[in-house]
Amino acid sequence: MGRRRLILLLTGCIVLAAAAFAALRLRGGSFVSAARDCAPAEEIVFYRQDDVRWAAEKLGESRFSMETSGCLVCCIASALAMSGEEETPLTLNRTLSRCSAYDSEGNLLWGKLAEAGDYTVEVCGRVSEEFLLQCLQDGKYPIVRVRVHGLGNFHYVLVVEARGGKFYCMDPLREGLCSLADYGNRVYAVRCVSPEQGKE
């Protein structure tokens, strides 16, 4: 009986620890689903961060490369390309690096992005499906911060379509479209980058 009780106690502790870990990882995220459909661009631009054309490029003066940490740059470049800009992760990263738009850890300094080009950055103070849908309806593509497999490290993907109650994304680590459900439909931050209005 003593051994059985010990096993039950240990099992209970493991379950509680797992639940606490999950709660900690999900903290600050908002669950979203698509209440209506929004069609994607005529042609979705897919950029992978491990593309040999830019995988080895460093993010500014940091030790991080496009291959390891370039998901955000790929998402921004894809959004701009679908908005009519001639932009690739290579050209965008070099522009951002020249403008000192990265900190020492390779994080993008959002305020510097507008200085780097004629771009508008919209920040969603409170994550909501309505903001995502409005961006898509306006021909813009929201960049969302998610967790890999729902509970893993932070990662950025680009929302390009809403269909059948789900949002679909371009993920710089994967081929083709994937569903936001792959990340638990939980979003931790949203930015929408587009060319300045009136700029062709």
N, C-alpha and C. Protein backbone atom coordinates (compact mmCIF):
# COMPACT_ATOMS: atom_id res chain seq x y z
N MET A 1 0.83 -1.21 0.00
CA MET A 1 0.00 0.00 0.00
C MET A 1 0.87 1.26 0.00
N GLY A 2 1.96 1.22 0.75
CA GLY A 2 2.82 2.38 0.82
C GLY A 2 3.38 2.75 -0.54
N ARG A 3 3.80 1.72 -1.29
CA ARG A 3 4.37 1.97 -2.60
C ARG A 3 3.30 2.50 -3.56
N ARG A 4 2.10 1.92 -3.46
CA ARG A 4 1.02 2.36 -4.34
C ARG A 4 0.66 3.82 -4.05
N ARG A 5 0.61 4.18 -2.78
CA ARG A 5 0.29 5.56 -2.42
C ARG A 5 1.36 6.51 -2.93
N LEU A 6 2.62 6.06 -2.84
CA LEU A 6 3.73 6.88 -3.33
C LEU A 6 3.61 7.12 -4.83
N ILE A 7 3.27 6.05 -5.56
CA ILE A 7 3.10 6.17 -7.01
C ILE A 7 1.96 7.13 -7.35
N LEU A 8 0.84 7.00 -6.61
CA LEU A 8 -0.30 7.91 -6.84
C LEU A 8 0.07 9.34 -6.51
N LEU A 9 0.84 9.52 -5.45
CA LEU A 9 1.26 10.86 -5.06
C LEU A 9 2.16 11.48 -6.13
N LEU A 10 3.12 10.67 -6.60
CA LEU A 10 4.03 11.16 -7.64
C LEU A 10 3.28 11.48 -8.94
N THR A 11 2.32 10.61 -9.28
CA THR A 11 1.52 10.85 -10.49
C THR A 11 0.73 12.15 -10.36
N GLY A 12 0.14 12.35 -9.19
CA GLY A 12 -0.61 13.59 -8.95
C GLY A 12 0.27 14.82 -9.06
N CYS A 13 1.50 14.72 -8.53
CA CYS A 13 2.44 15.84 -8.60
C CYS A 13 2.82 16.15 -10.04
N ILE A 14 3.02 15.10 -10.83
CA ILE A 14 3.38 15.28 -12.24
C ILE A 14 2.25 15.95 -13.00
N VAL A 15 1.01 15.49 -12.74
CA VAL A 15 -0.16 16.09 -13.41
C VAL A 15 -0.30 17.56 -13.04
N LEU A 16 -0.15 17.86 -11.75
CA LEU A 16 -0.24 19.25 -11.29
C LEU A 16 0.86 20.12 -11.89
N ALA A 17 2.06 19.56 -11.96
CA ALA A 17 3.19 20.31 -12.54
C ALA A 17 2.95 20.58 -14.02
N ALA A 18 2.43 19.59 -14.73
CA ALA A 18 2.14 19.76 -16.15
C ALA A 18 1.06 20.82 -16.37
N ALA A 19 0.03 20.79 -15.52
CA ALA A 19 -1.05 21.77 -15.62
C ALA A 19 -0.53 23.18 -15.33
N ALA A 20 0.34 23.29 -14.34
CA ALA A 20 0.91 24.60 -14.00
C ALA A 20 1.80 25.12 -15.12
N PHE A 21 2.57 24.22 -15.72
CA PHE A 21 3.43 24.59 -16.85
C PHE A 21 2.60 25.09 -18.02
N ALA A 22 1.52 24.36 -18.35
CA ALA A 22 0.64 24.75 -19.45
C ALA A 22 0.00 26.11 -19.17
N ALA A 23 -0.46 26.31 -17.94
CA ALA A 23 -1.10 27.58 -17.59
C ALA A 23 -0.11 28.74 -17.72
N LEU A 24 1.13 28.49 -17.33
CA LEU A 24 2.16 29.53 -17.42
C LEU A 24 2.45 29.86 -18.88
N ARG A 25 2.56 28.83 -19.72
CA ARG A 25 2.87 29.05 -21.14
C ARG A 25 1.73 29.74 -21.88
N LEU A 26 0.49 29.47 -21.47
CA LEU A 26 -0.66 30.05 -22.16
C LEU A 26 -1.01 31.44 -21.65
N ARG A 27 -0.37 31.86 -20.59
CA ARG A 27 -0.68 33.16 -19.98
C ARG A 27 -0.48 34.29 -20.99
N GLY A 28 -1.44 35.19 -21.05
CA GLY A 28 -1.33 36.35 -21.94
C GLY A 28 -1.82 36.10 -23.36
N GLY A 29 -2.16 34.88 -23.68
CA GLY A 29 -2.65 34.57 -25.02
C GLY A 29 -4.16 34.70 -25.13
N SER A 30 -4.63 34.95 -26.33
CA SER A 30 -6.07 35.06 -26.58
C SER A 30 -6.49 34.01 -27.61
N PHE A 31 -7.56 33.31 -27.31
CA PHE A 31 -8.10 32.31 -28.23
C PHE A 31 -8.88 33.03 -29.33
N VAL A 32 -8.62 32.68 -30.59
CA VAL A 32 -9.33 33.31 -31.71
C VAL A 32 -9.84 32.25 -32.68
N SER A 33 -10.96 32.55 -33.32
CA SER A 33 -11.49 31.73 -34.42
C SER A 33 -12.11 32.69 -35.43
N ALA A 34 -12.30 32.24 -36.64
CA ALA A 34 -12.79 33.12 -37.71
C ALA A 34 -14.30 33.04 -37.82
N ALA A 35 -14.96 34.15 -37.54
CA ALA A 35 -16.42 34.18 -37.58
C ALA A 35 -16.96 34.29 -39.01
N ARG A 36 -16.11 34.71 -39.93
CA ARG A 36 -16.52 34.81 -41.33
C ARG A 36 -15.32 34.55 -42.23
N ASP A 37 -15.58 34.27 -43.49
CA ASP A 37 -14.51 33.97 -44.44
C ASP A 37 -13.93 35.25 -45.03
N CYS A 38 -12.63 35.24 -45.25
CA CYS A 38 -11.94 36.31 -45.97
C CYS A 38 -10.96 35.62 -46.91
N ALA A 39 -11.13 35.83 -48.20
CA ALA A 39 -10.30 35.16 -49.19
C ALA A 39 -8.86 35.68 -49.14
N PRO A 40 -7.90 34.84 -49.51
CA PRO A 40 -6.49 35.28 -49.51
C PRO A 40 -6.19 36.12 -50.74
N ALA A 41 -4.96 36.59 -50.81
CA ALA A 41 -4.50 37.31 -51.99
C ALA A 41 -4.54 36.36 -53.19
N GLU A 42 -4.51 36.95 -54.37
CA GLU A 42 -4.54 36.11 -55.58
C GLU A 42 -3.38 35.12 -55.56
N GLU A 43 -2.24 35.59 -55.07
CA GLU A 43 -1.07 34.71 -54.97
C GLU A 43 -0.39 34.93 -53.63
N ILE A 44 -0.38 33.91 -52.80
CA ILE A 44 0.27 34.01 -51.50
C ILE A 44 1.77 33.86 -51.69
N VAL A 45 2.52 34.75 -51.07
CA VAL A 45 3.98 34.72 -51.16
C VAL A 45 4.52 33.95 -49.96
N PHE A 46 5.16 32.83 -50.24
CA PHE A 46 5.73 31.99 -49.18
C PHE A 46 7.23 32.25 -49.08
N TYR A 47 7.68 32.61 -47.90
CA TYR A 47 9.11 32.78 -47.65
C TYR A 47 9.50 31.90 -46.47
N ARG A 48 10.55 31.12 -46.65
CA ARG A 48 11.07 30.28 -45.56
C ARG A 48 12.33 30.91 -45.00
N GLN A 49 12.46 30.85 -43.67
CA GLN A 49 13.63 31.44 -43.05
C GLN A 49 14.90 30.64 -43.29
N ASP A 50 14.75 29.37 -43.67
CA ASP A 50 15.93 28.55 -43.95
C ASP A 50 16.28 28.49 -45.43
N ASP A 51 15.71 29.38 -46.22
CA ASP A 51 16.04 29.48 -47.65
C ASP A 51 17.53 29.80 -47.78
N VAL A 52 18.24 29.05 -48.62
CA VAL A 52 19.70 29.21 -48.73
C VAL A 52 20.09 30.60 -49.20
N ARG A 53 19.17 31.34 -49.82
CA ARG A 53 19.51 32.68 -50.30
C ARG A 53 19.74 33.67 -49.16
N TRP A 54 19.19 33.38 -47.97
CA TRP A 54 19.36 34.31 -46.86
C TRP A 54 19.52 33.64 -45.49
N ALA A 55 19.52 32.33 -45.45
CA ALA A 55 19.56 31.62 -44.16
C ALA A 55 20.73 32.05 -43.28
N ALA A 56 21.91 32.29 -43.87
CA ALA A 56 23.10 32.61 -43.09
C ALA A 56 23.20 34.08 -42.71
N GLU A 57 22.34 34.92 -43.23
CA GLU A 57 22.38 36.36 -42.94
C GLU A 57 22.12 36.61 -41.46
N LYS A 58 22.92 37.47 -40.84
CA LYS A 58 22.74 37.82 -39.43
C LYS A 58 21.67 38.90 -39.28
N LEU A 59 21.00 38.89 -38.14
CA LEU A 59 20.03 39.94 -37.83
C LEU A 59 20.79 41.08 -37.17
N GLY A 60 21.14 42.09 -37.96
CA GLY A 60 21.92 43.21 -37.46
C GLY A 60 23.28 42.76 -36.97
N GLU A 61 23.66 43.27 -35.79
CA GLU A 61 24.96 42.92 -35.20
C GLU A 61 24.83 41.75 -34.22
N SER A 62 23.65 41.15 -34.16
CA SER A 62 23.44 40.06 -33.20
C SER A 62 24.09 38.77 -33.70
N ARG A 63 24.10 37.76 -32.84
CA ARG A 63 24.66 36.45 -33.21
C ARG A 63 23.61 35.58 -33.89
N PHE A 64 22.37 36.08 -34.00
CA PHE A 64 21.28 35.28 -34.54
C PHE A 64 21.17 35.45 -36.06
N SER A 65 20.81 34.35 -36.70
CA SER A 65 20.72 34.36 -38.16
C SER A 65 19.26 34.28 -38.61
N MET A 66 19.06 34.50 -39.89
CA MET A 66 17.73 34.37 -40.46
C MET A 66 17.21 32.95 -40.27
N GLU A 67 18.10 31.97 -40.43
CA GLU A 67 17.65 30.57 -40.33
C GLU A 67 17.12 30.25 -38.93
N THR A 68 17.78 30.76 -37.90
CA THR A 68 17.37 30.44 -36.54
C THR A 68 16.28 31.36 -35.99
N SER A 69 16.28 32.62 -36.44
CA SER A 69 15.40 33.61 -35.81
C SER A 69 14.74 34.57 -36.79
N GLY A 70 14.65 34.19 -38.05
CA GLY A 70 14.15 35.11 -39.07
C GLY A 70 12.67 35.00 -39.40
N CYS A 71 11.88 34.36 -38.52
CA CYS A 71 10.46 34.17 -38.85
C CYS A 71 9.73 35.50 -39.00
N LEU A 72 10.02 36.46 -38.13
CA LEU A 72 9.33 37.75 -38.18
C LEU A 72 9.68 38.50 -39.46
N VAL A 73 10.95 38.50 -39.83
CA VAL A 73 11.38 39.19 -41.06
C VAL A 73 10.71 38.56 -42.27
N CYS A 74 10.62 37.24 -42.30
CA CYS A 74 9.96 36.55 -43.42
C CYS A 74 8.48 36.93 -43.51
N CYS A 75 7.83 37.02 -42.35
CA CYS A 75 6.41 37.39 -42.34
C CYS A 75 6.20 38.81 -42.85
N ILE A 76 7.05 39.74 -42.40
CA ILE A 76 6.92 41.13 -42.85
C ILE A 76 7.17 41.21 -44.36
N ALA A 77 8.23 40.55 -44.83
CA ALA A 77 8.56 40.58 -46.25
C ALA A 77 7.43 39.99 -47.09
N SER A 78 6.83 38.92 -46.62
CA SER A 78 5.72 38.29 -47.33
C SER A 78 4.52 39.23 -47.40
N ALA A 79 4.20 39.86 -46.27
CA ALA A 79 3.07 40.80 -46.22
C ALA A 79 3.29 41.96 -47.18
N LEU A 80 4.50 42.48 -47.21
CA LEU A 80 4.81 43.60 -48.10
C LEU A 80 4.78 43.18 -49.56
N ALA A 81 5.31 41.98 -49.83
CA ALA A 81 5.32 41.48 -51.22
C ALA A 81 3.90 41.30 -51.74
N MET A 82 2.99 40.81 -50.88
CA MET A 82 1.60 40.62 -51.31
C MET A 82 0.85 41.95 -51.42
N SER A 83 1.46 43.01 -50.88
CA SER A 83 0.86 44.34 -50.98
C SER A 83 1.47 45.14 -52.14
N GLY A 84 2.28 44.45 -52.95
CA GLY A 84 2.82 45.09 -54.14
C GLY A 84 4.25 45.58 -54.04
N GLU A 85 4.90 45.37 -52.92
CA GLU A 85 6.29 45.79 -52.75
C GLU A 85 7.24 44.74 -53.32
N GLU A 86 8.37 45.17 -53.83
CA GLU A 86 9.40 44.24 -54.28
C GLU A 86 10.32 43.98 -53.09
N GLU A 87 9.90 43.09 -52.24
CA GLU A 87 10.62 42.84 -50.99
C GLU A 87 10.82 41.35 -50.79
N THR A 88 12.01 40.99 -50.33
CA THR A 88 12.31 39.61 -49.93
C THR A 88 12.90 39.67 -48.53
N PRO A 89 12.98 38.54 -47.83
CA PRO A 89 13.63 38.55 -46.53
C PRO A 89 15.08 39.05 -46.60
N LEU A 90 15.76 38.76 -47.70
CA LEU A 90 17.15 39.21 -47.86
C LEU A 90 17.22 40.74 -47.92
N THR A 91 16.44 41.35 -48.82
CA THR A 91 16.49 42.81 -48.96
C THR A 91 15.99 43.51 -47.70
N LEU A 92 14.93 42.98 -47.09
CA LEU A 92 14.38 43.60 -45.89
C LEU A 92 15.37 43.51 -44.73
N ASN A 93 15.96 42.34 -44.53
CA ASN A 93 16.90 42.18 -43.42
C ASN A 93 18.10 43.10 -43.58
N ARG A 94 18.60 43.25 -44.80
CA ARG A 94 19.76 44.13 -45.01
C ARG A 94 19.39 45.58 -44.75
N THR A 95 18.17 45.96 -45.14
CA THR A 95 17.71 47.33 -44.85
C THR A 95 17.58 47.55 -43.35
N LEU A 96 16.96 46.59 -42.65
CA LEU A 96 16.79 46.71 -41.21
C LEU A 96 18.13 46.73 -40.48
N SER A 97 19.07 45.94 -40.96
CA SER A 97 20.40 45.89 -40.35
C SER A 97 21.13 47.22 -40.53
N ARG A 98 21.02 47.80 -41.72
CA ARG A 98 21.66 49.10 -41.97
C ARG A 98 21.07 50.20 -41.08
N CYS A 99 19.78 50.09 -40.79
CA CYS A 99 19.09 51.11 -39.98
C CYS A 99 19.16 50.83 -38.48
N SER A 100 19.96 49.85 -38.09
CA SER A 100 20.09 49.47 -36.67
C SER A 100 18.73 49.19 -36.05
N ALA A 101 17.91 48.44 -36.78
CA ALA A 101 16.55 48.14 -36.33
C ALA A 101 16.46 46.89 -35.46
N TYR A 102 17.61 46.28 -35.13
CA TYR A 102 17.64 45.12 -34.25
C TYR A 102 18.40 45.46 -32.98
N ASP A 103 17.99 44.85 -31.87
CA ASP A 103 18.79 44.99 -30.65
C ASP A 103 19.86 43.89 -30.65
N SER A 104 20.62 43.81 -29.57
CA SER A 104 21.75 42.86 -29.52
C SER A 104 21.30 41.40 -29.53
N GLU A 105 20.01 41.16 -29.22
CA GLU A 105 19.48 39.80 -29.23
C GLU A 105 18.74 39.48 -30.54
N GLY A 106 18.83 40.37 -31.51
CA GLY A 106 18.19 40.14 -32.79
C GLY A 106 16.70 40.45 -32.81
N ASN A 107 16.20 41.08 -31.75
CA ASN A 107 14.78 41.46 -31.71
C ASN A 107 14.56 42.72 -32.54
N LEU A 108 13.47 42.75 -33.28
CA LEU A 108 13.14 43.91 -34.10
C LEU A 108 12.66 45.05 -33.22
N LEU A 109 13.22 46.23 -33.42
CA LEU A 109 12.76 47.44 -32.75
C LEU A 109 11.70 48.06 -33.64
N TRP A 110 10.44 47.86 -33.28
CA TRP A 110 9.33 48.21 -34.18
C TRP A 110 9.33 49.67 -34.58
N GLY A 111 9.76 50.55 -33.68
CA GLY A 111 9.79 51.97 -34.01
C GLY A 111 10.74 52.29 -35.15
N LYS A 112 11.76 51.44 -35.32
CA LYS A 112 12.76 51.66 -36.38
C LYS A 112 12.25 51.18 -37.75
N LEU A 113 11.22 50.34 -37.74
CA LEU A 113 10.75 49.78 -39.00
C LEU A 113 10.25 50.87 -39.94
N ALA A 114 9.49 51.83 -39.39
CA ALA A 114 8.97 52.93 -40.21
C ALA A 114 10.11 53.79 -40.77
N GLU A 115 11.20 53.88 -40.01
CA GLU A 115 12.36 54.65 -40.47
C GLU A 115 13.09 53.92 -41.60
N ALA A 116 12.99 52.60 -41.60
CA ALA A 116 13.70 51.80 -42.59
C ALA A 116 13.06 51.85 -43.97
N GLY A 117 11.77 52.17 -44.03
CA GLY A 117 11.07 52.23 -45.32
C GLY A 117 9.73 52.92 -45.15
N ASP A 118 9.03 53.05 -46.24
CA ASP A 118 7.71 53.71 -46.18
C ASP A 118 6.65 52.72 -45.75
N TYR A 119 6.74 52.31 -44.49
CA TYR A 119 5.83 51.29 -43.97
C TYR A 119 4.98 51.84 -42.84
N THR A 120 3.79 51.30 -42.74
CA THR A 120 2.89 51.60 -41.63
C THR A 120 2.79 50.37 -40.75
N VAL A 121 2.93 50.54 -39.45
CA VAL A 121 2.82 49.43 -38.51
C VAL A 121 1.60 49.68 -37.63
N GLU A 122 0.63 48.77 -37.68
CA GLU A 122 -0.54 48.85 -36.81
C GLU A 122 -0.37 47.84 -35.69
N VAL A 123 -0.56 48.30 -34.48
CA VAL A 123 -0.43 47.44 -33.31
C VAL A 123 -1.82 47.20 -32.73
N CYS A 124 -2.13 45.95 -32.52
CA CYS A 124 -3.41 45.60 -31.91
C CYS A 124 -3.19 45.52 -30.40
N GLY A 125 -3.71 46.51 -29.67
CA GLY A 125 -3.53 46.54 -28.22
C GLY A 125 -4.12 45.33 -27.53
N ARG A 126 -5.27 44.90 -28.00
CA ARG A 126 -5.93 43.73 -27.43
C ARG A 126 -6.21 42.76 -28.57
N VAL A 127 -5.61 41.59 -28.51
CA VAL A 127 -5.77 40.60 -29.58
C VAL A 127 -7.24 40.23 -29.74
N SER A 128 -7.73 40.30 -30.97
CA SER A 128 -9.12 39.93 -31.23
C SER A 128 -9.25 39.38 -32.64
N GLU A 129 -10.22 38.48 -32.81
CA GLU A 129 -10.45 37.94 -34.15
C GLU A 129 -10.96 39.03 -35.08
N GLU A 130 -11.67 40.02 -34.54
CA GLU A 130 -12.20 41.10 -35.38
C GLU A 130 -11.07 41.91 -36.02
N PHE A 131 -10.00 42.15 -35.26
CA PHE A 131 -8.85 42.87 -35.82
C PHE A 131 -8.23 42.06 -36.96
N LEU A 132 -8.06 40.77 -36.75
CA LEU A 132 -7.49 39.91 -37.79
C LEU A 132 -8.36 39.93 -39.05
N LEU A 133 -9.67 39.80 -38.86
CA LEU A 133 -10.59 39.80 -40.00
C LEU A 133 -10.61 41.15 -40.71
N GLN A 134 -10.54 42.23 -39.94
CA GLN A 134 -10.56 43.56 -40.56
C GLN A 134 -9.31 43.79 -41.39
N CYS A 135 -8.17 43.35 -40.88
CA CYS A 135 -6.92 43.46 -41.65
C CYS A 135 -7.06 42.73 -42.98
N LEU A 136 -7.52 41.49 -42.93
CA LEU A 136 -7.67 40.70 -44.15
C LEU A 136 -8.66 41.36 -45.11
N GLN A 137 -9.75 41.87 -44.56
CA GLN A 137 -10.76 42.52 -45.40
C GLN A 137 -10.19 43.76 -46.09
N ASP A 138 -9.25 44.44 -45.40
CA ASP A 138 -8.63 45.65 -45.96
C ASP A 138 -7.45 45.32 -46.87
N GLY A 139 -7.22 44.04 -47.13
CA GLY A 139 -6.11 43.65 -47.99
C GLY A 139 -4.76 43.68 -47.29
N LYS A 140 -4.77 43.57 -45.97
CA LYS A 140 -3.54 43.54 -45.19
C LYS A 140 -3.41 42.18 -44.53
N TYR A 141 -2.20 41.89 -44.06
CA TYR A 141 -1.93 40.55 -43.54
C TYR A 141 -1.34 40.64 -42.14
N PRO A 142 -2.11 40.23 -41.12
CA PRO A 142 -1.63 40.34 -39.74
C PRO A 142 -0.55 39.31 -39.40
N ILE A 143 0.47 39.82 -38.72
CA ILE A 143 1.55 38.97 -38.23
C ILE A 143 1.22 38.65 -36.78
N VAL A 144 1.15 37.37 -36.46
CA VAL A 144 0.76 36.98 -35.10
C VAL A 144 1.87 36.20 -34.42
N ARG A 145 2.01 36.46 -33.12
CA ARG A 145 2.97 35.70 -32.32
C ARG A 145 2.23 34.54 -31.69
N VAL A 146 2.76 33.35 -31.91
CA VAL A 146 2.14 32.12 -31.41
C VAL A 146 3.22 31.31 -30.68
N ARG A 147 2.80 30.18 -30.13
CA ARG A 147 3.76 29.24 -29.55
C ARG A 147 3.79 27.98 -30.41
N VAL A 148 4.98 27.52 -30.73
CA VAL A 148 5.14 26.31 -31.54
C VAL A 148 4.42 25.15 -30.86
N HIS A 149 3.58 24.46 -31.60
CA HIS A 149 2.78 23.34 -31.08
C HIS A 149 1.87 23.77 -29.93
N GLY A 150 1.61 25.05 -29.81
CA GLY A 150 0.70 25.54 -28.78
C GLY A 150 1.34 25.86 -27.45
N LEU A 151 2.44 25.16 -27.10
CA LEU A 151 3.07 25.37 -25.79
C LEU A 151 4.57 25.62 -25.87
N GLY A 152 5.13 25.57 -27.09
CA GLY A 152 6.58 25.71 -27.25
C GLY A 152 7.05 27.15 -27.24
N ASN A 153 8.18 27.38 -27.89
CA ASN A 153 8.76 28.72 -27.96
C ASN A 153 7.89 29.65 -28.80
N PHE A 154 8.08 30.95 -28.58
CA PHE A 154 7.36 31.93 -29.39
C PHE A 154 7.84 31.86 -30.83
N HIS A 155 6.93 32.16 -31.74
CA HIS A 155 7.19 32.07 -33.17
C HIS A 155 6.23 33.02 -33.87
N TYR A 156 6.60 33.52 -35.05
CA TYR A 156 5.71 34.40 -35.81
C TYR A 156 5.23 33.73 -37.09
N VAL A 157 3.95 33.88 -37.36
CA VAL A 157 3.36 33.40 -38.61
C VAL A 157 2.50 34.52 -39.18
N LEU A 158 2.20 34.43 -40.47
CA LEU A 158 1.44 35.46 -41.17
C LEU A 158 0.06 34.94 -41.52
N VAL A 159 -0.98 35.57 -41.01
CA VAL A 159 -2.36 35.17 -41.32
C VAL A 159 -2.71 35.69 -42.71
N VAL A 160 -3.15 34.79 -43.59
CA VAL A 160 -3.43 35.19 -44.98
C VAL A 160 -4.86 34.89 -45.42
N GLU A 161 -5.61 34.14 -44.62
CA GLU A 161 -6.94 33.72 -45.06
C GLU A 161 -7.79 33.30 -43.86
N ALA A 162 -9.10 33.48 -43.99
CA ALA A 162 -10.05 32.94 -43.01
C ALA A 162 -11.06 32.11 -43.79
N ARG A 163 -11.23 30.86 -43.34
CA ARG A 163 -12.12 29.96 -44.09
C ARG A 163 -12.65 28.88 -43.17
N GLY A 164 -13.97 28.68 -43.23
CA GLY A 164 -14.58 27.59 -42.48
C GLY A 164 -14.36 27.67 -40.98
N GLY A 165 -14.36 28.89 -40.45
CA GLY A 165 -14.18 29.06 -39.01
C GLY A 165 -12.74 29.04 -38.55
N LYS A 166 -11.78 28.94 -39.49
CA LYS A 166 -10.37 28.88 -39.12
C LYS A 166 -9.57 29.96 -39.84
N PHE A 167 -8.48 30.38 -39.19
CA PHE A 167 -7.50 31.25 -39.83
C PHE A 167 -6.39 30.36 -40.40
N TYR A 168 -5.91 30.74 -41.59
CA TYR A 168 -4.81 30.00 -42.21
C TYR A 168 -3.61 30.91 -42.37
N CYS A 169 -2.42 30.32 -42.23
CA CYS A 169 -1.19 31.09 -42.13
C CYS A 169 -0.09 30.62 -43.06
N MET A 170 0.82 31.55 -43.33
CA MET A 170 2.11 31.24 -43.95
C MET A 170 3.09 31.16 -42.79
N ASP A 171 3.68 29.99 -42.59
CA ASP A 171 4.65 29.77 -41.52
C ASP A 171 6.03 29.65 -42.15
N PRO A 172 6.99 30.50 -41.80
CA PRO A 172 8.33 30.46 -42.40
C PRO A 172 9.11 29.18 -42.11
N LEU A 173 8.56 28.30 -41.28
CA LEU A 173 9.24 27.03 -41.00
C LEU A 173 8.57 25.85 -41.70
N ARG A 174 7.47 26.11 -42.46
CA ARG A 174 6.71 25.02 -43.04
C ARG A 174 6.37 25.29 -44.50
N GLU A 175 6.07 24.22 -45.21
CA GLU A 175 5.64 24.33 -46.60
C GLU A 175 4.13 24.50 -46.66
N GLY A 176 3.65 25.33 -47.55
CA GLY A 176 2.21 25.49 -47.76
C GLY A 176 1.52 26.16 -46.59
N LEU A 177 0.20 26.26 -46.71
CA LEU A 177 -0.59 26.89 -45.65
C LEU A 177 -0.77 25.95 -44.47
N CYS A 178 -0.89 26.53 -43.29
CA CYS A 178 -1.21 25.76 -42.10
C CYS A 178 -2.30 26.50 -41.34
N SER A 179 -2.99 25.79 -40.50
CA SER A 179 -4.08 26.39 -39.73
C SER A 179 -3.56 26.97 -38.42
N LEU A 180 -4.16 28.07 -37.99
CA LEU A 180 -3.80 28.63 -36.69
C LEU A 180 -4.12 27.63 -35.57
N ALA A 181 -4.99 26.67 -35.88
CA ALA A 181 -5.31 25.63 -34.90
C ALA A 181 -4.07 24.80 -34.56
N ASP A 182 -3.08 24.77 -35.47
CA ASP A 182 -1.84 24.04 -35.19
C ASP A 182 -1.08 24.65 -34.02
N TYR A 183 -1.42 25.89 -33.67
CA TYR A 183 -0.79 26.59 -32.56
C TYR A 183 -1.80 26.83 -31.43
N GLY A 184 -2.84 26.02 -31.43
CA GLY A 184 -3.85 26.10 -30.39
C GLY A 184 -4.84 27.24 -30.55
N ASN A 185 -4.83 27.90 -31.73
CA ASN A 185 -5.68 29.07 -31.98
C ASN A 185 -5.45 30.16 -30.95
N ARG A 186 -4.25 30.17 -30.38
CA ARG A 186 -3.95 31.15 -29.32
C ARG A 186 -2.89 32.12 -29.83
N VAL A 187 -3.21 33.42 -29.73
CA VAL A 187 -2.34 34.48 -30.24
C VAL A 187 -1.90 35.37 -29.09
N TYR A 188 -0.61 35.74 -29.08
CA TYR A 188 -0.03 36.51 -27.99
C TYR A 188 0.25 37.97 -28.35
N ALA A 189 0.30 38.27 -29.63
CA ALA A 189 0.49 39.65 -30.08
C ALA A 189 0.19 39.71 -31.57
N VAL A 190 -0.23 40.89 -32.02
CA VAL A 190 -0.54 41.08 -33.44
C VAL A 190 0.05 42.40 -33.92
N ARG A 191 0.68 42.36 -35.08
CA ARG A 191 1.12 43.56 -35.78
C ARG A 191 0.67 43.43 -37.23
N CYS A 192 0.40 44.55 -37.84
CA CYS A 192 0.04 44.53 -39.26
C CYS A 192 0.93 45.55 -39.95
N VAL A 193 1.79 45.08 -40.85
CA VAL A 193 2.73 45.95 -41.57
C VAL A 193 2.28 46.06 -43.02
N SER A 194 2.20 47.28 -43.51
CA SER A 194 1.77 47.51 -44.89
C SER A 194 2.47 48.74 -45.43
N PRO A 195 2.51 48.91 -46.76
CA PRO A 195 3.09 50.13 -47.33
C PRO A 195 2.28 51.34 -46.88
N GLU A 196 2.93 52.48 -46.76
CA GLU A 196 2.22 53.71 -46.39
C GLU A 196 1.12 53.97 -47.40
N GLN A 197 -0.01 54.46 -46.91
CA GLN A 197 -1.13 54.76 -47.79
C GLN A 197 -0.70 55.80 -48.82
N GLY A 198 -1.15 55.58 -50.03
CA GLY A 198 -0.82 56.50 -51.11
C GLY A 198 0.47 56.15 -51.81
N LYS A 199 1.25 55.21 -51.21
CA LYS A 199 2.51 54.78 -51.85
C LYS A 199 2.21 53.63 -52.78
N GLU A 200 2.65 53.75 -53.97
CA GLU A 200 2.43 52.68 -54.96
C GLU A 200 3.51 51.64 -54.83
